C-alpha atoms as a PDB file:
ATOM      1  CA  UNK A   1      23.237-115.822  55.946  1.00  0.00           C
ATOM      2  CA  UNK A   2      26.477-116.332  53.949  1.00  0.00           C
ATOM      3  CA  UNK A   3      25.073-119.491  52.314  1.00  0.00           C
ATOM      4  CA  UNK A   4      21.908-117.654  51.277  1.00  0.00           C
ATOM      5  CA  UNK A   5      23.842-114.779  49.664  1.00  0.00           C
ATOM      6  CA  UNK A   6      26.060-117.285  47.816  1.00  0.00           C
ATOM      7  CA  UNK A   7      22.959-119.081  46.486  1.00  0.00           C
ATOM      8  CA  UNK A   8      21.348-115.758  45.353  1.00  0.00           C
ATOM      9  CA  UNK A   9      24.580-114.661  43.661  1.00  0.00           C
ATOM     10  CA  UNK A  10      24.960-118.037  41.976  1.00  0.00           C
ATOM     11  CA  UNK A  11      21.288-117.974  40.844  1.00  0.00           C
ATOM     12  CA  UNK A  12      21.711-114.412  39.442  1.00  0.00           C
ATOM     13  CA  UNK A  13      24.884-115.453  37.558  1.00  0.00           C
ATOM     14  CA  UNK A  14      23.029-118.345  35.927  1.00  0.00           C
ATOM     15  CA  UNK A  15      20.166-116.089  34.845  1.00  0.00           C
ATOM     16  CA  UNK A  16      22.651-113.459  33.538  1.00  0.00           C
ATOM     17  CA  UNK A  17      24.418-116.195  31.550  1.00  0.00           C
ATOM     18  CA  UNK A  18      21.107-117.513  30.080  1.00  0.00           C
ATOM     19  CA  UNK A  19      19.854-113.990  29.185  1.00  0.00           C
ATOM     20  CA  UNK A  20      23.198-113.128  27.567  1.00  0.00           C
ATOM     21  CA  UNK A  21      23.149-116.333  25.456  1.00  0.00           C
ATOM     22  CA  UNK A  22      19.541-115.653  24.395  1.00  0.00           C
ATOM     23  CA  UNK A  23      20.423-112.070  23.409  1.00  0.00           C
ATOM     24  CA  UNK A  24      23.413-113.246  21.343  1.00  0.00           C
ATOM     25  CA  UNK A  25      21.259-115.899  19.609  1.00  0.00           C
ATOM     26  CA  UNK A  26      18.552-113.320  18.833  1.00  0.00           C
ATOM     27  CA  UNK A  27      21.141-110.896  17.474  1.00  0.00           C
ATOM     28  CA  UNK A  28      22.612-113.621  15.202  1.00  0.00           C
ATOM     29  CA  UNK A  29      19.172-114.457  13.870  1.00  0.00           C
ATOM     30  CA  UNK A  30      18.194-110.850  13.185  1.00  0.00           C
ATOM     31  CA  UNK A  31      21.442-109.185  12.146  1.00  0.00           C
ATOM     32  CA  UNK A  32      23.133-111.999  10.183  1.00  0.00           C
ATOM     33  CA  UNK A  33      20.653-112.250   7.354  1.00  0.00           C
ATOM     34  CA  UNK A  34      22.055-111.670   3.892  1.00  0.00           C
ATOM     35  CA  UNK A  35      19.280-109.276   2.809  1.00  0.00           C
ATOM     36  CA  UNK A  36      16.771-107.232   4.785  1.00  0.00           C
ATOM     37  CA  UNK A  37      13.905-108.353   2.562  1.00  0.00           C
ATOM     38  CA  UNK A  38      13.209-111.833   1.125  1.00  0.00           C
ATOM     39  CA  UNK A  39      12.933-112.261  -2.664  1.00  0.00           C
ATOM     40  CA  UNK A  40       9.533-111.867  -4.284  1.00  0.00           C
ATOM     41  CA  UNK A  41       8.962-114.801  -6.594  1.00  0.00           C
ATOM     42  CA  UNK A  42       6.488-115.308  -9.438  1.00  0.00           C
ATOM     43  CA  UNK A  43       5.599-118.704 -10.865  1.00  0.00           C
ATOM     44  CA  UNK A  44       3.732-119.603 -14.065  1.00  0.00           C
ATOM     45  CA  UNK A  45       2.964-122.878 -15.804  1.00  0.00           C
ATOM     46  CA  UNK A  46       4.937-123.729 -18.917  1.00  0.00           C
ATOM     47  CA  UNK A  47       3.197-127.072 -19.478  1.00  0.00           C
ATOM     48  CA  UNK A  48       1.874-130.026 -17.500  1.00  0.00           C
ATOM     49  CA  UNK A  49       5.323-130.937 -16.062  1.00  0.00           C
ATOM     50  CA  UNK A  50       7.199-127.622 -15.909  1.00  0.00           C
ATOM     51  CA  UNK A  51       6.896-124.182 -14.348  1.00  0.00           C
ATOM     52  CA  UNK A  52       8.842-121.010 -14.855  1.00  0.00           C
ATOM     53  CA  UNK A  53      10.004-119.086 -11.786  1.00  0.00           C
ATOM     54  CA  UNK A  54      11.236-115.518 -11.698  1.00  0.00           C
ATOM     55  CA  UNK A  55      12.259-113.231  -8.869  1.00  0.00           C
ATOM     56  CA  UNK A  56      13.226-109.626  -8.173  1.00  0.00           C
ATOM     57  CA  UNK A  57      16.874-108.631  -8.026  1.00  0.00           C
ATOM     58  CA  UNK A  58      17.950-108.663  -4.374  1.00  0.00           C
ATOM     59  CA  UNK A  59      17.740-105.304  -2.559  1.00  0.00           C
ATOM     60  CA  UNK A  60      19.596-104.155   0.514  1.00  0.00           C
ATOM     61  CA  UNK A  61      22.628-106.420   0.260  1.00  0.00           C
ATOM     62  CA  UNK A  62      24.209-106.496   3.730  1.00  0.00           C
ATOM     63  CA  UNK A  63      26.704-109.355   3.580  1.00  0.00           C
ATOM     64  CA  UNK A  64      28.865-110.498   0.744  1.00  0.00           C
ATOM     65  CA  UNK A  65      28.416-110.576  -3.030  1.00  0.00           C
ATOM     66  CA  UNK A  66      25.192-111.970  -4.516  1.00  0.00           C
ATOM     67  CA  UNK A  67      25.954-115.384  -6.004  1.00  0.00           C
ATOM     68  CA  UNK A  68      22.615-117.050  -6.742  1.00  0.00           C
ATOM     69  CA  UNK A  69      19.287-118.269  -5.556  1.00  0.00           C
ATOM     70  CA  UNK A  70      18.256-121.410  -3.708  1.00  0.00           C
ATOM     71  CA  UNK A  71      14.804-122.658  -4.837  1.00  0.00           C
ATOM     72  CA  UNK A  72      12.851-124.915  -2.511  1.00  0.00           C
ATOM     73  CA  UNK A  73       9.790-126.791  -3.671  1.00  0.00           C
ATOM     74  CA  UNK A  74       7.461-129.605  -2.694  1.00  0.00           C
ATOM     75  CA  UNK A  75       4.102-131.095  -3.458  1.00  0.00           C
ATOM     76  CA  UNK A  76       1.436-129.313  -1.368  1.00  0.00           C
ATOM     77  CA  UNK A  77       0.391-132.599   0.215  1.00  0.00           C
ATOM     78  CA  UNK A  78       3.967-133.600   1.152  1.00  0.00           C
ATOM     79  CA  UNK A  79       6.557-132.362   3.618  1.00  0.00           C
ATOM     80  CA  UNK A  80       9.515-133.579   1.521  1.00  0.00           C
ATOM     81  CA  UNK A  81      11.266-130.517   0.095  1.00  0.00           C
ATOM     82  CA  UNK A  82      13.499-130.456  -2.996  1.00  0.00           C
ATOM     83  CA  UNK A  83      16.304-127.943  -3.478  1.00  0.00           C
ATOM     84  CA  UNK A  84      17.759-126.406  -6.621  1.00  0.00           C
ATOM     85  CA  UNK A  85      20.557-123.840  -6.615  1.00  0.00           C
ATOM     86  CA  UNK A  86      21.071-121.483  -9.535  1.00  0.00           C
ATOM     87  CA  UNK A  87      24.103-119.271  -9.944  1.00  0.00           C
ATOM     88  CA  UNK A  88      23.520-118.060 -13.491  1.00  0.00           C
ATOM     89  CA  UNK A  89      22.780-114.457 -12.534  1.00  0.00           C
ATOM     90  CA  UNK A  90      19.547-114.629 -14.583  1.00  0.00           C
ATOM     91  CA  UNK A  91      16.492-114.026 -12.345  1.00  0.00           C
ATOM     92  CA  UNK A  92      14.546-116.907 -13.825  1.00  0.00           C
ATOM     93  CA  UNK A  93      14.601-120.714 -13.607  1.00  0.00           C
ATOM     94  CA  UNK A  94      12.491-123.516 -15.009  1.00  0.00           C
ATOM     95  CA  UNK A  95      11.509-126.385 -12.738  1.00  0.00           C
ATOM     96  CA  UNK A  96      10.952-129.455 -14.909  1.00  0.00           C
ATOM     97  CA  UNK A  97       9.900-133.088 -14.536  1.00  0.00           C
ATOM     98  CA  UNK A  98       7.045-132.195 -12.225  1.00  0.00           C
ATOM     99  CA  UNK A  99       3.867-134.200 -11.914  1.00  0.00           C
ATOM    100  CA  UNK A 100       0.866-133.085 -14.032  1.00  0.00           C
ATOM    101  CA  UNK A 101      -2.102-131.331 -12.421  1.00  0.00           C
ATOM    102  CA  UNK A 102      -0.596-131.206  -8.962  1.00  0.00           C
ATOM    103  CA  UNK A 103      -0.234-128.272  -6.574  1.00  0.00           C
ATOM    104  CA  UNK A 104       3.364-127.368  -5.734  1.00  0.00           C
ATOM    105  CA  UNK A 105       4.621-125.069  -2.994  1.00  0.00           C
ATOM    106  CA  UNK A 106       7.605-123.029  -4.041  1.00  0.00           C
ATOM    107  CA  UNK A 107       9.859-120.524  -2.268  1.00  0.00           C
ATOM    108  CA  UNK A 108      13.332-119.087  -2.791  1.00  0.00           C
ATOM    109  CA  UNK A 109      16.149-117.453  -0.857  1.00  0.00           C
ATOM    110  CA  UNK A 110      19.152-115.415  -1.996  1.00  0.00           C
ATOM    111  CA  UNK A 111      22.682-116.637  -1.547  1.00  0.00           C
ATOM    112  CA  UNK A 112      26.008-114.836  -1.117  1.00  0.00           C
ATOM    113  CA  UNK A 113      29.481-116.131  -0.336  1.00  0.00           C
ATOM    114  CA  UNK A 114      28.737-115.118   3.229  1.00  0.00           C
ATOM    115  CA  UNK A 115      25.514-117.091   3.667  1.00  0.00           C
ATOM    116  CA  UNK A 116      21.835-117.321   2.784  1.00  0.00           C
ATOM    117  CA  UNK A 117      19.103-114.741   3.057  1.00  0.00           C
ATOM    118  CA  UNK A 118      15.561-114.912   4.250  1.00  0.00           C
ATOM    119  CA  UNK A 119      13.214-117.337   2.553  1.00  0.00           C
ATOM    120  CA  UNK A 120      10.456-115.812   0.413  1.00  0.00           C
ATOM    121  CA  UNK A 121       6.724-116.254   0.928  1.00  0.00           C
ATOM    122  CA  UNK A 122       5.534-119.557  -0.407  1.00  0.00           C
ATOM    123  CA  UNK A 123       3.867-119.578  -3.815  1.00  0.00           C
ATOM    124  CA  UNK A 124       1.266-122.283  -4.526  1.00  0.00           C
ATOM    125  CA  UNK A 125       0.983-123.291  -8.178  1.00  0.00           C
ATOM    126  CA  UNK A 126      -0.960-126.070  -9.936  1.00  0.00           C
ATOM    127  CA  UNK A 127       0.735-127.611 -12.940  1.00  0.00           C
ATOM    128  CA  UNK A 128      -1.284-128.077 -16.148  1.00  0.00           C
ATOM    129  CA  UNK A 129      -3.262-131.128 -17.013  1.00  0.00           C
ATOM    130  CA  UNK A 130      -1.458-133.815 -18.930  1.00  0.00           C
ATOM    131  CA  UNK A 131      -1.824-133.653 -22.694  1.00  0.00           C
ATOM    132  CA  UNK A 132      -3.315-130.167 -22.904  1.00  0.00           C
ATOM    133  CA  UNK A 133      -2.122-126.723 -22.168  1.00  0.00           C
ATOM    134  CA  UNK A 134      -3.551-123.248 -22.383  1.00  0.00           C
ATOM    135  CA  UNK A 135      -1.217-120.509 -21.186  1.00  0.00           C
ATOM    136  CA  UNK A 136      -3.936-118.313 -19.705  1.00  0.00           C
ATOM    137  CA  UNK A 137      -6.033-121.127 -18.244  1.00  0.00           C
ATOM    138  CA  UNK A 138      -3.152-122.706 -16.243  1.00  0.00           C
ATOM    139  CA  UNK A 139      -1.668-119.715 -14.526  1.00  0.00           C
ATOM    140  CA  UNK A 140      -2.978-120.686 -11.082  1.00  0.00           C
ATOM    141  CA  UNK A 141      -0.718-119.056  -8.509  1.00  0.00           C
ATOM    142  CA  UNK A 142      -1.775-117.997  -5.038  1.00  0.00           C
ATOM    143  CA  UNK A 143      -0.227-117.069  -1.668  1.00  0.00           C
ATOM    144  CA  UNK A 144      -1.440-118.117   1.750  1.00  0.00           C
END
């Protein structure tokens, strides 16, 4: 009987430890984000190898002082992501040296000196065709 109660107590202690660790991890994920809302980004084609990105000013700052934006992008048919950080304070950035007439997946997240915020929704944008450009024709942006 004593062995059984020791095993039950030990088993309960292990579950309490696991549940406590899971709760702490969940709290860190949910309460340690820099902003309550991710940035909303807009993308438009400049030419066949460049796009212009803009985003809203961050709302609901909860940690630290806003210091910039981290831009993540990749070709839609690739998993390799590229990263650009901007600290200019201007809510716009031009991605250059892209491939012509390809679909890119772009997102962004705000940065403070305390950490990074939530990543925005991904924007899908096709760059213009090589050698020609029509501002209205090549604004092909969509969300999934």
